[in-house]
C-alpha cells in the first residue's frame, strides 16, 4: 500500500522528470494503440462472419424460393423510385422557393 502511495506521489509530483512523463505518455499511447488494433481486428472478423452468413442466406433463398427474391426486388425497386420522386419534389419546391425569394429581393 505504501508503495502505491509513494509511486502516485512520485509520478504526479511537480518534481517528476520530464523524461519520466514522456516515457509514461509513450507507454500509455502504445498500450491504447495495441488495444484499439485488437478491437479493430475483432470487429473486422465479425463483419466478415456476418457477410458470409448473409451470402449463405441469400444463396439458400435464391435456390429454394426464387419468387420471394423477385417480390423483394420489386419492393426494393418501388422504395427507391418513391424515394427518388420525393427527393425530386423537394428539390423542385426548393428551386421554386428560391426563385420567389429572388423575385422579392429584385422587386424591393
Protein backbone atom coordinates (compact mmCIF):
# COMPACT_ATOMS: atom_id res chain seq x y z
CA UNK A 1 0.00 0.00 0.00
CA UNK A 2 2.83 2.38 0.84
CA UNK A 3 4.46 1.65 -2.47
CA UNK A 4 1.36 2.66 -4.41
CA UNK A 5 1.08 5.88 -2.44
CA UNK A 6 4.76 6.64 -2.97
CA UNK A 7 4.51 5.85 -6.67
CA UNK A 8 1.43 8.03 -7.02
CA UNK A 9 3.13 10.93 -5.25
CA UNK A 10 6.29 10.43 -7.25
CA UNK A 11 4.53 10.28 -10.62
CA UNK A 12 2.19 13.20 -10.08
CA UNK A 13 4.55 15.41 -8.15
CA UNK A 14 5.71 18.50 -9.96
CA UNK A 15 9.32 17.47 -9.39
CA UNK A 16 8.94 14.47 -11.71
CA UNK A 17 11.42 14.43 -14.55
CA UNK A 18 10.12 15.41 -17.94
CA UNK A 19 11.69 12.24 -19.34
CA UNK A 20 9.61 10.08 -16.98
CA UNK A 21 6.43 11.90 -18.02
CA UNK A 22 7.33 11.44 -21.68
CA UNK A 23 8.04 7.76 -21.11
CA UNK A 24 4.68 7.26 -19.39
CA UNK A 25 2.88 9.05 -22.21
CA UNK A 26 4.61 6.83 -24.76
CA UNK A 27 3.76 3.67 -22.83
CA UNK A 28 0.12 4.68 -22.49
CA UNK A 29 -0.11 5.61 -26.15
CA UNK A 30 1.42 2.32 -27.20
CA UNK A 31 -0.89 0.32 -24.96
CA UNK A 32 -4.02 2.13 -26.15
CA UNK A 33 -2.93 1.65 -29.75
CA UNK A 34 -2.47 -2.09 -29.20
CA UNK A 35 -5.91 -2.37 -27.60
CA UNK A 36 -7.54 -0.48 -30.48
CA UNK A 37 -5.79 -2.69 -33.05
CA UNK A 38 -7.08 -5.82 -31.32
CA UNK A 39 -10.59 -4.39 -31.17
CA UNK A 40 -10.50 -3.43 -34.85
CA UNK A 41 -9.29 -6.91 -35.83
CA UNK A 42 -12.14 -8.45 -33.81
CA UNK A 43 -14.71 -6.15 -35.44
CA UNK A 44 -13.33 -6.99 -38.89
CA UNK A 45 -13.66 -10.73 -38.27
CA UNK A 46 -17.22 -10.23 -37.00
CA UNK A 47 -18.08 -8.24 -40.13
CA UNK A 48 -16.59 -10.99 -42.27
CA UNK A 49 -18.65 -13.62 -40.46
CA UNK A 50 -21.82 -11.57 -40.92
CA UNK A 51 -21.06 -11.12 -44.61
CA UNK A 52 -20.55 -14.87 -45.03
CA UNK A 53 -23.82 -15.58 -43.22
CA UNK A 54 -25.68 -13.08 -45.39
CA UNK A 55 -24.25 -14.54 -48.60
CA UNK A 56 -25.19 -18.06 -47.49
CA UNK A 57 -28.73 -16.98 -46.58
CA UNK A 58 -29.08 -15.15 -49.89
CA UNK A 59 -27.91 -18.22 -51.79
CA UNK A 60 -30.35 -20.50 -49.96
CA UNK A 61 -33.29 -18.16 -50.54
CA UNK A 62 -32.41 -17.81 -54.23
CA UNK A 63 -32.22 -21.58 -54.63
CA UNK A 64 -35.37 -22.56 -52.75
CA UNK A 65 -37.70 -19.57 -53.15
CA UNK A 66 -36.90 -17.52 -56.25
CA UNK A 67 -40.38 -15.93 -56.15
CA UNK A 68 -39.57 -14.33 -52.78
CA UNK A 69 -36.40 -12.88 -54.25
CA UNK A 70 -38.35 -11.44 -57.18
CA UNK A 71 -41.02 -9.93 -54.89
CA UNK A 72 -38.36 -8.44 -52.61
CA UNK A 73 -36.53 -6.95 -55.59
CA UNK A 74 -39.75 -5.40 -56.90
CA UNK A 75 -40.49 -3.96 -53.47
CA UNK A 76 -36.99 -2.50 -53.17
CA UNK A 77 -37.27 -1.01 -56.66
CA UNK A 78 -40.57 0.61 -55.63
CA UNK A 79 -38.98 2.07 -52.48
CA UNK A 80 -36.06 3.50 -54.47
CA UNK A 81 -38.41 5.00 -57.07
CA UNK A 82 -40.67 6.63 -54.47
CA UNK A 83 -37.63 7.95 -52.58
CA UNK A 84 -36.28 9.41 -55.82
CA UNK A 85 -39.63 11.03 -56.56
CA UNK A 86 -39.74 12.61 -53.09
CA UNK A 87 -36.22 13.92 -53.48
CA UNK A 88 -37.10 15.40 -56.87
CA UNK A 89 -40.19 17.11 -55.42
CA UNK A 90 -38.19 18.60 -52.54
CA UNK A 91 -35.58 19.84 -54.98
CA UNK A 92 -38.22 21.45 -57.23
CA UNK A 93 -40.03 23.06 -54.29
CA UNK A 94 -36.71 24.43 -53.06
CA UNK A 95 -35.93 25.77 -56.51
CA UNK A 96 -39.37 27.42 -56.75
CA UNK A 97 -38.94 28.98 -53.28
CA UNK A 98 -35.51 30.26 -54.29
CA UNK A 99 -36.95 31.88 -57.41
CA UNK A 100 -39.72 33.53 -55.34
CA UNK A 101 -37.19 34.90 -52.86
CA UNK A 102 -35.02 36.19 -55.70
CA UNK A 103 -38.04 37.91 -57.29
CA UNK A 104 -38.99 39.57 -53.99
CA UNK A 105 -35.43 40.79 -53.47
CA UNK A 106 -35.24 42.15 -57.01
CA UNK A 107 -38.62 43.95 -56.76
CA UNK A 108 -37.90 45.62 -53.43
